[in-house]
Amino acid sequence: MRVPTNRGYTGVQVARRLLDQHGLQNIPIELSRGKLSDHYDPTKGILRLSQEVNYKEKSRQNLANKWFA
């Protein structure tokens, strides 16, 4: 399911903003290979987003419109 944001933010932009707003500036975001491979790796403290989510102007983030309205 893809939910476009009102302003065309990518998934990585939405994730970075959400992390930053919750004091998680130290969590890096990396590219994850594969489809539906988005995940947080607690052992390394890294958020990984798939290419599909990471750089396209659509996001699967259901909260995106709330945060960027």
PDB file of N, CA and C in Angstrom:
ATOM      1  N   MET A   1       0.841  -1.172   0.000  1.00  0.00           N
ATOM      2  CA  MET A   1       0.000   0.000   0.000  1.00  0.00           C
ATOM      3  C   MET A   1       0.885   1.235   0.000  1.00  0.00           C
ATOM      4  N   ARG A   2       0.625   2.152  -0.871  1.00  0.00           N
ATOM      5  CA  ARG A   2       1.369   3.410  -0.926  1.00  0.00           C
ATOM      6  C   ARG A   2       0.445   4.561  -0.595  1.00  0.00           C
ATOM      7  N   VAL A   3       0.927   5.406   0.285  1.00  0.00           N
ATOM      8  CA  VAL A   3       0.169   6.587   0.684  1.00  0.00           C
ATOM      9  C   VAL A   3       1.008   7.804   0.328  1.00  0.00           C
ATOM     10  N   PRO A   4       0.639   8.534  -0.725  1.00  0.00           N
ATOM     11  CA  PRO A   4       1.443   9.705  -1.090  1.00  0.00           C
ATOM     12  C   PRO A   4       1.307  10.802  -0.047  1.00  0.00           C
ATOM     13  N   THR A   5       2.383  11.543   0.139  1.00  0.00           N
ATOM     14  CA  THR A   5       2.315  12.689   1.044  1.00  0.00           C
ATOM     15  C   THR A   5       1.825  13.890   0.256  1.00  0.00           C
ATOM     16  N   ASN A   6       1.308  14.866   0.953  1.00  0.00           N
ATOM     17  CA  ASN A   6       0.808  16.070   0.294  1.00  0.00           C
ATOM     18  C   ASN A   6       1.920  16.845  -0.397  1.00  0.00           C
ATOM     19  N   ARG A   7       3.141  16.740   0.108  1.00  0.00           N
ATOM     20  CA  ARG A   7       4.240  17.542  -0.409  1.00  0.00           C
ATOM     21  C   ARG A   7       5.278  16.736  -1.164  1.00  0.00           C
ATOM     22  N   GLY A   8       5.035  15.463  -1.436  1.00  0.00           N
ATOM     23  CA  GLY A   8       5.947  14.653  -2.227  1.00  0.00           C
ATOM     24  C   GLY A   8       7.206  14.218  -1.502  1.00  0.00           C
ATOM     25  N   TYR A   9       7.184  14.076  -0.171  1.00  0.00           N
ATOM     26  CA  TYR A   9       8.345  13.620   0.568  1.00  0.00           C
ATOM     27  C   TYR A   9       8.606  12.143   0.281  1.00  0.00           C
ATOM     28  N   THR A  10       9.860  11.766   0.317  1.00  0.00           N
ATOM     29  CA  THR A  10      10.217  10.357   0.165  1.00  0.00           C
ATOM     30  C   THR A  10      10.102   9.657   1.512  1.00  0.00           C
ATOM     31  N   GLY A  11      10.144   8.348   1.477  1.00  0.00           N
ATOM     32  CA  GLY A  11      10.080   7.568   2.708  1.00  0.00           C
ATOM     33  C   GLY A  11      11.214   7.897   3.662  1.00  0.00           C
ATOM     34  N   VAL A  12      12.416   8.095   3.121  1.00  0.00           N
ATOM     35  CA  VAL A  12      13.567   8.402   3.974  1.00  0.00           C
ATOM     36  C   VAL A  12      13.407   9.784   4.614  1.00  0.00           C
ATOM     37  N   GLN A  13      12.825  10.733   3.912  1.00  0.00           N
ATOM     38  CA  GLN A  13      12.595  12.058   4.484  1.00  0.00           C
ATOM     39  C   GLN A  13      11.567  11.991   5.610  1.00  0.00           C
ATOM     40  N   VAL A  14      10.518  11.230   5.415  1.00  0.00           N
ATOM     41  CA  VAL A  14       9.485  11.073   6.446  1.00  0.00           C
ATOM     42  C   VAL A  14      10.084  10.384   7.672  1.00  0.00           C
ATOM     43  N   ALA A  15      10.826   9.307   7.441  1.00  0.00           N
ATOM     44  CA  ALA A  15      11.426   8.569   8.552  1.00  0.00           C
ATOM     45  C   ALA A  15      12.403   9.447   9.335  1.00  0.00           C
ATOM     46  N   ARG A  16      13.242  10.196   8.625  1.00  0.00           N
ATOM     47  CA  ARG A  16      14.219  11.049   9.297  1.00  0.00           C
ATOM     48  C   ARG A  16      13.520  12.089  10.173  1.00  0.00           C
ATOM     49  N   ARG A  17      12.468  12.680   9.637  1.00  0.00           N
ATOM     50  CA  ARG A  17      11.750  13.705  10.402  1.00  0.00           C
ATOM     51  C   ARG A  17      11.089  13.101  11.645  1.00  0.00           C
ATOM     52  N   LEU A  18      10.466  11.948  11.493  1.00  0.00           N
ATOM     53  CA  LEU A  18       9.832  11.297  12.639  1.00  0.00           C
ATOM     54  C   LEU A  18      10.865  10.933  13.704  1.00  0.00           C
ATOM     55  N   LEU A  19      11.980  10.373  13.279  1.00  0.00           N
ATOM     56  CA  LEU A  19      13.037  10.030  14.232  1.00  0.00           C
ATOM     57  C   LEU A  19      13.551  11.274  14.947  1.00  0.00           C
ATOM     58  N   ASP A  20      13.842  12.313  14.181  1.00  0.00           N
ATOM     59  CA  ASP A  20      14.375  13.552  14.763  1.00  0.00           C
ATOM     60  C   ASP A  20      13.400  14.178  15.750  1.00  0.00           C
ATOM     61  N   GLN A  21      12.113  14.176  15.418  1.00  0.00           N
ATOM     62  CA  GLN A  21      11.109  14.785  16.290  1.00  0.00           C
ATOM     63  C   GLN A  21      10.948  14.024  17.608  1.00  0.00           C
ATOM     64  N   HIS A  22      11.422  12.791  17.633  1.00  0.00           N
ATOM     65  CA  HIS A  22      11.310  11.990  18.851  1.00  0.00           C
ATOM     66  C   HIS A  22      12.670  11.781  19.516  1.00  0.00           C
ATOM     67  N   GLY A  23      13.612  12.669  19.199  1.00  0.00           N
ATOM     68  CA  GLY A  23      14.910  12.643  19.857  1.00  0.00           C
ATOM     69  C   GLY A  23      15.821  11.516  19.425  1.00  0.00           C
ATOM     70  N   LEU A  24      15.587  10.959  18.257  1.00  0.00           N
ATOM     71  CA  LEU A  24      16.363   9.814  17.781  1.00  0.00           C
ATOM     72  C   LEU A  24      17.276  10.198  16.619  1.00  0.00           C
ATOM     73  N   GLN A  25      17.939  11.331  16.752  1.00  0.00           N
ATOM     74  CA  GLN A  25      18.832  11.827  15.703  1.00  0.00           C
ATOM     75  C   GLN A  25      20.014  10.895  15.474  1.00  0.00           C
ATOM     76  N   ASN A  26      20.353  10.077  16.460  1.00  0.00           N
ATOM     77  CA  ASN A  26      21.499   9.172  16.343  1.00  0.00           C
ATOM     78  C   ASN A  26      21.184   7.887  15.563  1.00  0.00           C
ATOM     79  N   ILE A  27      19.937   7.688  15.168  1.00  0.00           N
ATOM     80  CA  ILE A  27      19.563   6.493  14.401  1.00  0.00           C
ATOM     81  C   ILE A  27      19.798   6.757  12.916  1.00  0.00           C
ATOM     82  N   PRO A  28      20.754   6.055  12.297  1.00  0.00           N
ATOM     83  CA  PRO A  28      20.973   6.237  10.863  1.00  0.00           C
ATOM     84  C   PRO A  28      19.923   5.490  10.046  1.00  0.00           C
ATOM     85  N   ILE A  29      19.735   5.939   8.824  1.00  0.00           N
ATOM     86  CA  ILE A  29      18.826   5.280   7.882  1.00  0.00           C
ATOM     87  C   ILE A  29      19.661   4.782   6.710  1.00  0.00           C
ATOM     88  N   GLU A  30      19.518   3.508   6.407  1.00  0.00           N
ATOM     89  CA  GLU A  30      20.281   2.901   5.326  1.00  0.00           C
ATOM     90  C   GLU A  30      19.350   2.243   4.310  1.00  0.00           C
ATOM     91  N   LEU A  31      19.905   1.969   3.151  1.00  0.00           N
ATOM     92  CA  LEU A  31      19.202   1.259   2.098  1.00  0.00           C
ATOM     93  C   LEU A  31      19.176  -0.225   2.418  1.00  0.00           C
ATOM     94  N   SER A  32      18.010  -0.845   2.259  1.00  0.00           N
ATOM     95  CA  SER A  32      17.849  -2.278   2.458  1.00  0.00           C
ATOM     96  C   SER A  32      17.500  -2.918   1.123  1.00  0.00           C
ATOM     97  N   ARG A  33      18.164  -3.980   0.797  1.00  0.00           N
ATOM     98  CA  ARG A  33      17.893  -4.669  -0.467  1.00  0.00           C
ATOM     99  C   ARG A  33      16.658  -5.558  -0.316  1.00  0.00           C
ATOM    100  N   GLY A  34      15.922  -5.697  -1.409  1.00  0.00           N
ATOM    101  CA  GLY A  34      14.759  -6.567  -1.400  1.00  0.00           C
ATOM    102  C   GLY A  34      13.463  -5.803  -1.289  1.00  0.00           C
ATOM    103  N   LYS A  35      12.401  -6.495  -1.568  1.00  0.00           N
ATOM    104  CA  LYS A  35      11.064  -5.918  -1.511  1.00  0.00           C
ATOM    105  C   LYS A  35      10.460  -6.213  -0.135  1.00  0.00           C
ATOM    106  N   LEU A  36       9.766  -5.254   0.419  1.00  0.00           N
ATOM    107  CA  LEU A  36       9.172  -5.378   1.751  1.00  0.00           C
ATOM    108  C   LEU A  36      10.231  -5.709   2.793  1.00  0.00           C
ATOM    109  N   SER A  37      11.397  -5.082   2.669  1.00  0.00           N
ATOM    110  CA  SER A  37      12.507  -5.370   3.573  1.00  0.00           C
ATOM    111  C   SER A  37      12.745  -4.237   4.573  1.00  0.00           C
ATOM    112  N   ASP A  38      11.799  -3.327   4.712  1.00  0.00           N
ATOM    113  CA  ASP A  38      11.919  -2.216   5.655  1.00  0.00           C
ATOM    114  C   ASP A  38      11.931  -2.781   7.077  1.00  0.00           C
ATOM    115  N   HIS A  39      12.896  -2.347   7.885  1.00  0.00           N
ATOM    116  CA  HIS A  39      12.960  -2.823   9.261  1.00  0.00           C
ATOM    117  C   HIS A  39      13.930  -1.991  10.090  1.00  0.00           C
ATOM    118  N   TYR A  40      13.770  -2.108  11.390  1.00  0.00           N
ATOM    119  CA  TYR A  40      14.719  -1.518  12.329  1.00  0.00           C
ATOM    120  C   TYR A  40      15.564  -2.655  12.881  1.00  0.00           C
ATOM    121  N   ASP A  41      16.871  -2.495  12.841  1.00  0.00           N
ATOM    122  CA  ASP A  41      17.791  -3.497  13.372  1.00  0.00           C
ATOM    123  C   ASP A  41      18.232  -3.043  14.763  1.00  0.00           C
ATOM    124  N   PRO A  42      17.640  -3.610  15.820  1.00  0.00           N
ATOM    125  CA  PRO A  42      17.973  -3.162  17.168  1.00  0.00           C
ATOM    126  C   PRO A  42      19.389  -3.524  17.592  1.00  0.00           C
ATOM    127  N   THR A  43      19.987  -4.539  16.988  1.00  0.00           N
ATOM    128  CA  THR A  43      21.348  -4.931  17.362  1.00  0.00           C
ATOM    129  C   THR A  43      22.374  -3.912  16.881  1.00  0.00           C
ATOM    130  N   LYS A  44      22.060  -3.226  15.776  1.00  0.00           N
ATOM    131  CA  LYS A  44      22.976  -2.221  15.232  1.00  0.00           C
ATOM    132  C   LYS A  44      22.426  -0.803  15.346  1.00  0.00           C
ATOM    133  N   GLY A  45      21.148  -0.678  15.743  1.00  0.00           N
ATOM    134  CA  GLY A  45      20.546   0.642  15.896  1.00  0.00           C
ATOM    135  C   GLY A  45      20.378   1.375  14.575  1.00  0.00           C
ATOM    136  N   ILE A  46      19.962   0.639  13.544  1.00  0.00           N
ATOM    137  CA  ILE A  46      19.834   1.204  12.192  1.00  0.00           C
ATOM    138  C   ILE A  46      18.430   0.949  11.652  1.00  0.00           C
ATOM    139  N   LEU A  47      17.840   1.977  11.058  1.00  0.00           N
ATOM    140  CA  LEU A  47      16.576   1.828  10.345  1.00  0.00           C
ATOM    141  C   LEU A  47      16.913   1.576   8.882  1.00  0.00           C
ATOM    142  N   ARG A  48      16.375   0.510   8.320  1.00  0.00           N
ATOM    143  CA  ARG A  48      16.649   0.195   6.923  1.00  0.00           C
ATOM    144  C   ARG A  48      15.351   0.267   6.125  1.00  0.00           C
ATOM    145  N   LEU A  49      15.416   1.012   5.023  1.00  0.00           N
ATOM    146  CA  LEU A  49      14.264   1.162   4.137  1.00  0.00           C
ATOM    147  C   LEU A  49      14.631   0.622   2.764  1.00  0.00           C
ATOM    148  N   SER A  50      13.699  -0.049   2.131  1.00  0.00           N
ATOM    149  CA  SER A  50      13.942  -0.598   0.800  1.00  0.00           C
ATOM    150  C   SER A  50      14.060   0.527  -0.223  1.00  0.00           C
ATOM    151  N   GLN A  51      14.679   0.230  -1.334  1.00  0.00           N
ATOM    152  CA  GLN A  51      14.844   1.197  -2.420  1.00  0.00           C
ATOM    153  C   GLN A  51      13.485   1.772  -2.819  1.00  0.00           C
ATOM    154  N   GLU A  52      12.485   0.910  -2.862  1.00  0.00           N
ATOM    155  CA  GLU A  52      11.139   1.324  -3.267  1.00  0.00           C
ATOM    156  C   GLU A  52      10.580   2.412  -2.352  1.00  0.00           C
ATOM    157  N   VAL A  53      10.822   2.297  -1.062  1.00  0.00           N
ATOM    158  CA  VAL A  53      10.311   3.267  -0.093  1.00  0.00           C
ATOM    159  C   VAL A  53      11.272   4.431   0.068  1.00  0.00           C
ATOM    160  N   ASN A  54      12.546   4.136   0.012  1.00  0.00           N
ATOM    161  CA  ASN A  54      13.584   5.094   0.353  1.00  0.00           C
ATOM    162  C   ASN A  54      13.613   6.343  -0.516  1.00  0.00           C
ATOM    163  N   TYR A  55      13.498   6.202  -1.811  1.00  0.00           N
ATOM    164  CA  TYR A  55      13.766   7.341  -2.682  1.00  0.00           C
ATOM    165  C   TYR A  55      12.615   7.784  -3.575  1.00  0.00           C
ATOM    166  N   LYS A  56      11.541   7.051  -3.624  1.00  0.00           N
ATOM    167  CA  LYS A  56      10.405   7.478  -4.444  1.00  0.00           C
ATOM    168  C   LYS A  56       9.617   8.557  -3.723  1.00  0.00           C
ATOM    169  N   GLU A  57       8.872   9.318  -4.491  1.00  0.00           N
ATOM    170  CA  GLU A  57       8.092  10.417  -3.909  1.00  0.00           C
ATOM    171  C   GLU A  57       6.778   9.944  -3.320  1.00  0.00           C
ATOM    172  N   LYS A  58       6.700   8.676  -3.004  1.00  0.00           N
ATOM    173  CA  LYS A  58       5.526   8.145  -2.326  1.00  0.00           C
ATOM    174  C   LYS A  58       6.023   7.374  -1.118  1.00  0.00           C
ATOM    175  N   SER A  59       5.237   7.338  -0.111  1.00  0.00           N
ATOM    176  CA  SER A  59       5.645   6.696   1.119  1.00  0.00           C
ATOM    177  C   SER A  59       4.582   5.725   1.588  1.00  0.00           C
ATOM    178  N   ARG A  60       5.024   4.630   2.198  1.00  0.00           N
ATOM    179  CA  ARG A  60       4.077   3.701   2.794  1.00  0.00           C
ATOM    180  C   ARG A  60       3.783   4.106   4.224  1.00  0.00           C
ATOM    181  N   GLN A  61       4.270   5.253   4.627  1.00  0.00           N
ATOM    182  CA  GLN A  61       4.048   5.735   5.986  1.00  0.00           C
ATOM    183  C   GLN A  61       2.627   6.279   6.109  1.00  0.00           C
ATOM    184  N   ASN A  62       1.786   5.621   6.857  1.00  0.00           N
ATOM    185  CA  ASN A  62       0.410   6.085   7.017  1.00  0.00           C
ATOM    186  C   ASN A  62       0.320   7.407   7.767  1.00  0.00           C
ATOM    187  N   LEU A  63       1.330   7.738   8.559  1.00  0.00           N
ATOM    188  CA  LEU A  63       1.290   8.975   9.339  1.00  0.00           C
ATOM    189  C   LEU A  63       1.897  10.158   8.611  1.00  0.00           C
ATOM    190  N   ALA A  64       2.384   9.968   7.423  1.00  0.00           N
ATOM    191  CA  ALA A  64       3.094  11.031   6.727  1.00  0.00           C
ATOM    192  C   ALA A  64       2.266  12.303   6.587  1.00  0.00           C
ATOM    193  N   ASN A  65       1.042  12.175   6.187  1.00  0.00           N
ATOM    194  CA  ASN A  65       0.219  13.377   5.996  1.00  0.00           C
ATOM    195  C   ASN A  65      -0.039  14.100   7.317  1.00  0.00           C
ATOM    196  N   LYS A  66      -0.102  13.377   8.412  1.00  0.00           N
ATOM    197  CA  LYS A  66      -0.285  13.996   9.722  1.00  0.00           C
ATOM    198  C   LYS A  66       0.933  14.856  10.070  1.00  0.00           C
ATOM    199  N   TRP A  67       2.130  14.330   9.848  1.00  0.00           N
ATOM    200  CA  TRP A  67       3.355  15.009  10.250  1.00  0.00           C
ATOM    201  C   TRP A  67       3.703  16.157   9.324  1.00  0.00           C
ATOM    202  N   PHE A  68       3.296  16.090   8.045  1.00  0.00           N
ATOM    203  CA  PHE A  68       3.702  17.101   7.085  1.00  0.00           C
ATOM    204  C   PHE A  68       2.551  17.975   6.607  1.00  0.00           C
ATOM    205  N   ALA A  69       1.413  17.884   7.278  1.00  0.00           N
ATOM    206  CA  ALA A  69       0.243  18.683   6.868  1.00  0.00           C
ATOM    207  C   ALA A  69       0.450  20.156   7.154  1.00  0.00           C
TER     208      ALA A  69
END
